[in-house]
Amino acid sequence: MSAASIALAAVAAACGTQKIGVPKDQPQLYRGAVLFQQRCSGCHTLSYAATHGSGTSVHTAQYNNGPNFDQRCERPVARVLYAIVNGGFSGAIMPQNVVVGQDAIDVAKFVASYSGRHAPTVPGVPPCAQQAIGSIVAALGAASSPARATGRTGATGATGATGATGATGATGPSSAHAKAKATAHAKAKHKP
């Protein structure tokens, strides 16, 4: 057997052998990792879920390659939940509500807990492990308040057009911004 065929056999044998790196004694985070692997692996990399969907080179990247969550910190958890409900932050590629209800909460907690662990050090930016994860309860409470009820609501209760803002600090377009945009659109529509 040639050296090339031995190397090819070794590579083929290793395919698909990476396992989820979340301890099973953390059932919610483990379940979130499994769901992430099932629903998000085609577009995102996160080694703790054994996924490799992000592009690794600008020369070979594809349109649907999403962020590498080994490198990118995603906190607070409300930010992740906002992205799940709204199809990312641009809404251009990722489907809205790729997971819903308790599944969305489990995936959001998993991503917030395990993302950014291999991020490069950036002067003046605190490491991901030092940033607060926040809580889903605070995000849902802020999103379901009457003042924030102007947008589309996902199965988890996070408000789409206004974002799950508030105590956890996740960002989304504000109600004032949404109203200003709607007013400008209405004025442009009624011009002769």
C-alpha atoms as a PDB file:
ATOM      1  CA  MET A   1       0.000   0.000   0.000  1.00  0.00           C
ATOM      2  CA  SER A   2       1.413   3.403  -0.950  1.00  0.00           C
ATOM      3  CA  ALA A   3       1.898   6.280   1.495  1.00  0.00           C
ATOM      4  CA  ALA A   4      -0.783   8.292  -0.311  1.00  0.00           C
ATOM      5  CA  SER A   5      -3.406   5.560   0.040  1.00  0.00           C
ATOM      6  CA  ILE A   6      -2.545   5.121   3.733  1.00  0.00           C
ATOM      7  CA  ALA A   7      -2.965   8.852   4.288  1.00  0.00           C
ATOM      8  CA  LEU A   8      -6.268   8.841   2.383  1.00  0.00           C
ATOM      9  CA  ALA A   9      -7.531   5.898   4.446  1.00  0.00           C
ATOM     10  CA  ALA A  10      -6.579   7.699   7.680  1.00  0.00           C
ATOM     11  CA  VAL A  11      -8.398  10.851   6.614  1.00  0.00           C
ATOM     12  CA  ALA A  12     -11.489   8.898   5.538  1.00  0.00           C
ATOM     13  CA  ALA A  13     -11.547   7.011   8.827  1.00  0.00           C
ATOM     14  CA  ALA A  14     -11.389  10.278  10.791  1.00  0.00           C
ATOM     15  CA  CYS A  15     -14.338  11.884   8.970  1.00  0.00           C
ATOM     16  CA  GLY A  16     -17.325  12.241  11.222  1.00  0.00           C
ATOM     17  CA  THR A  17     -15.538  11.078  14.353  1.00  0.00           C
ATOM     18  CA  GLN A  18     -15.527  14.415  16.168  1.00  0.00           C
ATOM     19  CA  LYS A  19     -18.030  14.353  19.001  1.00  0.00           C
ATOM     20  CA  ILE A  20     -19.978  16.986  20.878  1.00  0.00           C
ATOM     21  CA  GLY A  21     -17.701  18.528  23.493  1.00  0.00           C
ATOM     22  CA  VAL A  22     -20.382  19.477  26.040  1.00  0.00           C
ATOM     23  CA  PRO A  23     -20.654  17.258  29.125  1.00  0.00           C
ATOM     24  CA  LYS A  24     -23.888  15.259  29.299  1.00  0.00           C
ATOM     25  CA  ASP A  25     -24.240  16.291  32.957  1.00  0.00           C
ATOM     26  CA  GLN A  26     -25.266  19.728  31.589  1.00  0.00           C
ATOM     27  CA  PRO A  27     -28.445  18.472  29.863  1.00  0.00           C
ATOM     28  CA  GLN A  28     -29.749  21.815  28.561  1.00  0.00           C
ATOM     29  CA  LEU A  29     -26.386  22.829  27.085  1.00  0.00           C
ATOM     30  CA  TYR A  30     -25.805  19.319  25.692  1.00  0.00           C
ATOM     31  CA  ARG A  31     -29.262  19.348  24.082  1.00  0.00           C
ATOM     32  CA  GLY A  32     -28.494  22.793  22.634  1.00  0.00           C
ATOM     33  CA  ALA A  33     -25.250  21.433  21.164  1.00  0.00           C
ATOM     34  CA  VAL A  34     -27.093  18.490  19.572  1.00  0.00           C
ATOM     35  CA  LEU A  35     -29.717  20.818  18.089  1.00  0.00           C
ATOM     36  CA  PHE A  36     -26.999  23.197  16.867  1.00  0.00           C
ATOM     37  CA  GLN A  37     -25.246  20.256  15.212  1.00  0.00           C
ATOM     38  CA  GLN A  38     -28.485  19.170  13.528  1.00  0.00           C
ATOM     39  CA  ARG A  39     -29.783  22.579  12.433  1.00  0.00           C
ATOM     40  CA  CYS A  40     -26.769  24.912  12.160  1.00  0.00           C
ATOM     41  CA  SER A  41     -23.795  22.766  11.083  1.00  0.00           C
ATOM     42  CA  GLY A  42     -24.149  23.549   7.379  1.00  0.00           C
ATOM     43  CA  CYS A  43     -23.323  27.215   7.912  1.00  0.00           C
ATOM     44  CA  HIS A  44     -21.530  27.622  11.260  1.00  0.00           C
ATOM     45  CA  THR A  45     -18.409  26.327  12.958  1.00  0.00           C
ATOM     46  CA  LEU A  46     -18.452  25.563  16.655  1.00  0.00           C
ATOM     47  CA  SER A  47     -16.127  22.775  17.739  1.00  0.00           C
ATOM     48  CA  TYR A  48     -18.119  22.023  20.903  1.00  0.00           C
ATOM     49  CA  ALA A  49     -20.981  20.914  18.625  1.00  0.00           C
ATOM     50  CA  ALA A  50     -18.584  19.239  16.165  1.00  0.00           C
ATOM     51  CA  THR A  51     -19.628  21.569  13.317  1.00  0.00           C
ATOM     52  CA  HIS A  52     -17.470  23.045  10.554  1.00  0.00           C
ATOM     53  CA  GLY A  53     -19.798  25.052   8.294  1.00  0.00           C
ATOM     54  CA  SER A  54     -17.983  28.400   8.266  1.00  0.00           C
ATOM     55  CA  GLY A  55     -15.751  29.304   5.365  1.00  0.00           C
ATOM     56  CA  THR A  56     -12.057  29.057   6.180  1.00  0.00           C
ATOM     57  CA  SER A  57     -10.733  31.007   3.205  1.00  0.00           C
ATOM     58  CA  VAL A  58     -12.060  33.993   1.290  1.00  0.00           C
ATOM     59  CA  HIS A  59     -11.116  32.125  -1.894  1.00  0.00           C
ATOM     60  CA  THR A  60     -13.327  29.105  -1.152  1.00  0.00           C
ATOM     61  CA  ALA A  61     -16.045  30.649   1.044  1.00  0.00           C
ATOM     62  CA  GLN A  62     -19.623  30.207  -0.063  1.00  0.00           C
ATOM     63  CA  TYR A  63     -22.581  32.567   0.161  1.00  0.00           C
ATOM     64  CA  ASN A  64     -24.137  30.674   3.068  1.00  0.00           C
ATOM     65  CA  ASN A  65     -21.001  30.366   5.235  1.00  0.00           C
ATOM     66  CA  GLY A  66     -21.933  31.845   8.596  1.00  0.00           C
ATOM     67  CA  PRO A  67     -19.743  33.095  11.433  1.00  0.00           C
ATOM     68  CA  ASN A  68     -17.186  30.831  13.072  1.00  0.00           C
ATOM     69  CA  PHE A  69     -18.385  30.724  16.677  1.00  0.00           C
ATOM     70  CA  ASP A  70     -15.091  29.267  17.881  1.00  0.00           C
ATOM     71  CA  GLN A  71     -13.627  32.667  16.980  1.00  0.00           C
ATOM     72  CA  ARG A  72     -16.603  34.967  17.514  1.00  0.00           C
ATOM     73  CA  CYS A  73     -18.056  35.651  20.938  1.00  0.00           C
ATOM     74  CA  GLU A  74     -21.839  35.662  21.032  1.00  0.00           C
ATOM     75  CA  ARG A  75     -22.994  37.196  24.280  1.00  0.00           C
ATOM     76  CA  PRO A  76     -25.364  37.997  25.866  1.00  0.00           C
ATOM     77  CA  VAL A  77     -27.739  35.089  25.296  1.00  0.00           C
ATOM     78  CA  ALA A  78     -30.520  37.490  24.248  1.00  0.00           C
ATOM     79  CA  ARG A  79     -28.378  38.479  21.245  1.00  0.00           C
ATOM     80  CA  VAL A  80     -28.228  34.828  20.165  1.00  0.00           C
ATOM     81  CA  LEU A  81     -31.959  34.383  20.671  1.00  0.00           C
ATOM     82  CA  TYR A  82     -32.601  37.518  18.597  1.00  0.00           C
ATOM     83  CA  ALA A  83     -30.509  36.049  15.754  1.00  0.00           C
ATOM     84  CA  ILE A  84     -32.356  32.724  15.923  1.00  0.00           C
ATOM     85  CA  VAL A  85     -35.790  34.349  15.822  1.00  0.00           C
ATOM     86  CA  ASN A  86     -34.923  36.923  13.134  1.00  0.00           C
ATOM     87  CA  GLY A  87     -32.646  34.988  10.802  1.00  0.00           C
ATOM     88  CA  GLY A  88     -29.338  36.406  11.977  1.00  0.00           C
ATOM     89  CA  PHE A  89     -28.755  40.136  12.007  1.00  0.00           C
ATOM     90  CA  SER A  90     -29.077  40.846   8.294  1.00  0.00           C
ATOM     91  CA  GLY A  91     -31.994  38.508   7.664  1.00  0.00           C
ATOM     92  CA  ALA A  92     -30.518  37.749   4.252  1.00  0.00           C
ATOM     93  CA  ILE A  93     -29.369  34.121   4.494  1.00  0.00           C
ATOM     94  CA  MET A  94     -30.207  32.426   7.785  1.00  0.00           C
ATOM     95  CA  PRO A  95     -33.818  31.293   8.009  1.00  0.00           C
ATOM     96  CA  GLN A  96     -35.952  32.874  10.708  1.00  0.00           C
ATOM     97  CA  ASN A  97     -36.918  30.587  13.574  1.00  0.00           C
ATOM     98  CA  VAL A  98     -34.484  27.849  12.530  1.00  0.00           C
ATOM     99  CA  VAL A  99     -35.399  26.417  15.951  1.00  0.00           C
ATOM    100  CA  VAL A 100     -38.318  27.581  18.090  1.00  0.00           C
ATOM    101  CA  GLY A 101     -39.625  27.445  21.640  1.00  0.00           C
ATOM    102  CA  GLN A 102     -37.492  25.540  24.150  1.00  0.00           C
ATOM    103  CA  ASP A 103     -35.207  24.364  21.310  1.00  0.00           C
ATOM    104  CA  ALA A 104     -34.352  28.004  20.516  1.00  0.00           C
ATOM    105  CA  ILE A 105     -33.637  28.710  24.190  1.00  0.00           C
ATOM    106  CA  ASP A 106     -31.385  25.643  24.479  1.00  0.00           C
ATOM    107  CA  VAL A 107     -29.429  26.548  21.325  1.00  0.00           C
ATOM    108  CA  ALA A 108     -29.092  30.188  22.434  1.00  0.00           C
ATOM    109  CA  LYS A 109     -27.743  29.169  25.846  1.00  0.00           C
ATOM    110  CA  PHE A 110     -25.323  26.697  24.260  1.00  0.00           C
ATOM    111  CA  VAL A 111     -23.967  29.232  21.754  1.00  0.00           C
ATOM    112  CA  ALA A 112     -23.656  31.968  24.386  1.00  0.00           C
ATOM    113  CA  SER A 113     -21.868  29.580  26.753  1.00  0.00           C
ATOM    114  CA  TYR A 114     -19.416  27.994  24.287  1.00  0.00           C
ATOM    115  CA  SER A 115     -18.778  30.592  21.574  1.00  0.00           C
ATOM    116  CA  GLY A 116     -15.594  32.635  21.444  1.00  0.00           C
ATOM    117  CA  ARG A 117     -13.451  30.181  23.380  1.00  0.00           C
ATOM    118  CA  HIS A 118     -10.781  30.250  20.659  1.00  0.00           C
ATOM    119  CA  ALA A 119     -11.096  33.938  19.827  1.00  0.00           C
ATOM    120  CA  PRO A 120      -7.884  35.889  19.330  1.00  0.00           C
ATOM    121  CA  THR A 121      -6.931  38.423  21.983  1.00  0.00           C
ATOM    122  CA  VAL A 122      -7.871  41.952  20.975  1.00  0.00           C
ATOM    123  CA  PRO A 123      -6.435  44.851  22.975  1.00  0.00           C
ATOM    124  CA  GLY A 124      -9.141  46.711  24.866  1.00  0.00           C
ATOM    125  CA  VAL A 125     -11.775  44.014  24.344  1.00  0.00           C
ATOM    126  CA  PRO A 126     -12.509  41.719  27.282  1.00  0.00           C
ATOM    127  CA  PRO A 127     -12.194  37.990  26.510  1.00  0.00           C
ATOM    128  CA  CYS A 128     -15.491  36.241  25.867  1.00  0.00           C
ATOM    129  CA  ALA A 129     -15.241  34.277  29.136  1.00  0.00           C
ATOM    130  CA  GLN A 130     -15.261  37.581  31.050  1.00  0.00           C
ATOM    131  CA  GLN A 131     -18.431  38.861  29.372  1.00  0.00           C
ATOM    132  CA  ALA A 132     -21.788  38.189  31.012  1.00  0.00           C
ATOM    133  CA  ILE A 133     -23.960  35.529  29.408  1.00  0.00           C
ATOM    134  CA  GLY A 134     -27.155  37.180  30.648  1.00  0.00           C
ATOM    135  CA  SER A 135     -30.416  35.328  31.016  1.00  0.00           C
ATOM    136  CA  ILE A 136     -33.262  34.256  28.800  1.00  0.00           C
ATOM    137  CA  VAL A 137     -35.787  35.316  31.455  1.00  0.00           C
ATOM    138  CA  ALA A 138     -34.550  38.916  31.307  1.00  0.00           C
ATOM    139  CA  ALA A 139     -34.562  38.808  27.500  1.00  0.00           C
ATOM    140  CA  LEU A 140     -38.084  37.406  27.312  1.00  0.00           C
ATOM    141  CA  GLY A 141     -39.357  39.858  29.919  1.00  0.00           C
ATOM    142  CA  ALA A 142     -37.920  42.825  28.061  1.00  0.00           C
ATOM    143  CA  ALA A 143     -39.145  41.543  24.712  1.00  0.00           C
ATOM    144  CA  SER A 144     -42.701  40.932  25.857  1.00  0.00           C
ATOM    145  CA  SER A 145     -43.213  44.269  27.618  1.00  0.00           C
ATOM    146  CA  PRO A 146     -46.006  46.398  26.098  1.00  0.00           C
ATOM    147  CA  ALA A 147     -43.541  49.087  24.975  1.00  0.00           C
ATOM    148  CA  ARG A 148     -41.677  46.487  22.914  1.00  0.00           C
ATOM    149  CA  ALA A 149     -44.706  44.710  21.494  1.00  0.00           C
ATOM    150  CA  THR A 150     -44.565  46.512  18.148  1.00  0.00           C
ATOM    151  CA  GLY A 151     -42.740  43.788  16.246  1.00  0.00           C
ATOM    152  CA  ARG A 152     -43.322  40.277  15.082  1.00  0.00           C
ATOM    153  CA  THR A 153     -43.072  37.786  17.945  1.00  0.00           C
ATOM    154  CA  GLY A 154     -41.298  34.433  17.607  1.00  0.00           C
ATOM    155  CA  ALA A 155     -42.262  31.269  19.447  1.00  0.00           C
ATOM    156  CA  THR A 156     -39.941  32.136  22.294  1.00  0.00           C
ATOM    157  CA  GLY A 157     -41.479  35.539  22.904  1.00  0.00           C
ATOM    158  CA  ALA A 158     -38.528  37.606  21.676  1.00  0.00           C
ATOM    159  CA  THR A 159     -39.734  40.545  19.631  1.00  0.00           C
ATOM    160  CA  GLY A 160     -38.476  40.594  16.059  1.00  0.00           C
ATOM    161  CA  ALA A 161     -38.654  44.218  14.947  1.00  0.00           C
ATOM    162  CA  THR A 162     -37.600  45.668  18.262  1.00  0.00           C
ATOM    163  CA  GLY A 163     -35.081  43.050  19.319  1.00  0.00           C
ATOM    164  CA  ALA A 164     -34.777  41.484  22.736  1.00  0.00           C
ATOM    165  CA  THR A 165     -33.380  44.593  24.355  1.00  0.00           C
ATOM    166  CA  GLY A 166     -33.238  45.645  27.956  1.00  0.00           C
ATOM    167  CA  ALA A 167     -31.385  44.273  30.940  1.00  0.00           C
ATOM    168  CA  THR A 168     -29.232  41.899  28.926  1.00  0.00           C
ATOM    169  CA  GLY A 169     -28.125  44.469  26.351  1.00  0.00           C
ATOM    170  CA  ALA A 170     -28.932  42.631  23.108  1.00  0.00           C
ATOM    171  CA  THR A 171     -29.438  44.922  20.185  1.00  0.00           C
ATOM    172  CA  GLY A 172     -32.111  45.185  17.549  1.00  0.00           C
ATOM    173  CA  PRO A 173     -33.732  48.120  15.811  1.00  0.00           C
ATOM    174  CA  SER A 174     -35.466  50.293  18.397  1.00  0.00           C
ATOM    175  CA  SER A 175     -39.167  51.080  18.388  1.00  0.00           C
ATOM    176  CA  ALA A 176     -38.348  54.729  17.649  1.00  0.00           C
ATOM    177  CA  HIS A 177     -36.196  53.680  14.694  1.00  0.00           C
ATOM    178  CA  ALA A 178     -38.937  51.369  13.390  1.00  0.00           C
ATOM    179  CA  LYS A 179     -41.557  54.141  13.711  1.00  0.00           C
ATOM    180  CA  ALA A 180     -39.301  56.693  11.983  1.00  0.00           C
ATOM    181  CA  LYS A 181     -38.638  54.260   9.148  1.00  0.00           C
ATOM    182  CA  ALA A 182     -42.370  53.510   8.766  1.00  0.00           C
ATOM    183  CA  THR A 183     -43.191  57.250   8.760  1.00  0.00           C
ATOM    184  CA  ALA A 184     -40.542  57.974   6.114  1.00  0.00           C
ATOM    185  CA  HIS A 185     -41.848  55.093   4.005  1.00  0.00           C
ATOM    186  CA  ALA A 186     -45.456  56.340   4.318  1.00  0.00           C
ATOM    187  CA  LYS A 187     -44.431  59.898   3.326  1.00  0.00           C
ATOM    188  CA  ALA A 188     -42.495  58.640   0.302  1.00  0.00           C
ATOM    189  CA  LYS A 189     -45.466  56.533  -0.754  1.00  0.00           C
ATOM    190  CA  HIS A 190     -47.892  59.484  -0.697  1.00  0.00           C
ATOM    191  CA  LYS A 191     -45.743  61.891  -2.772  1.00  0.00           C
ATOM    192  CA  PRO A 192     -47.385  62.864  -6.086  1.00  0.00           C
END
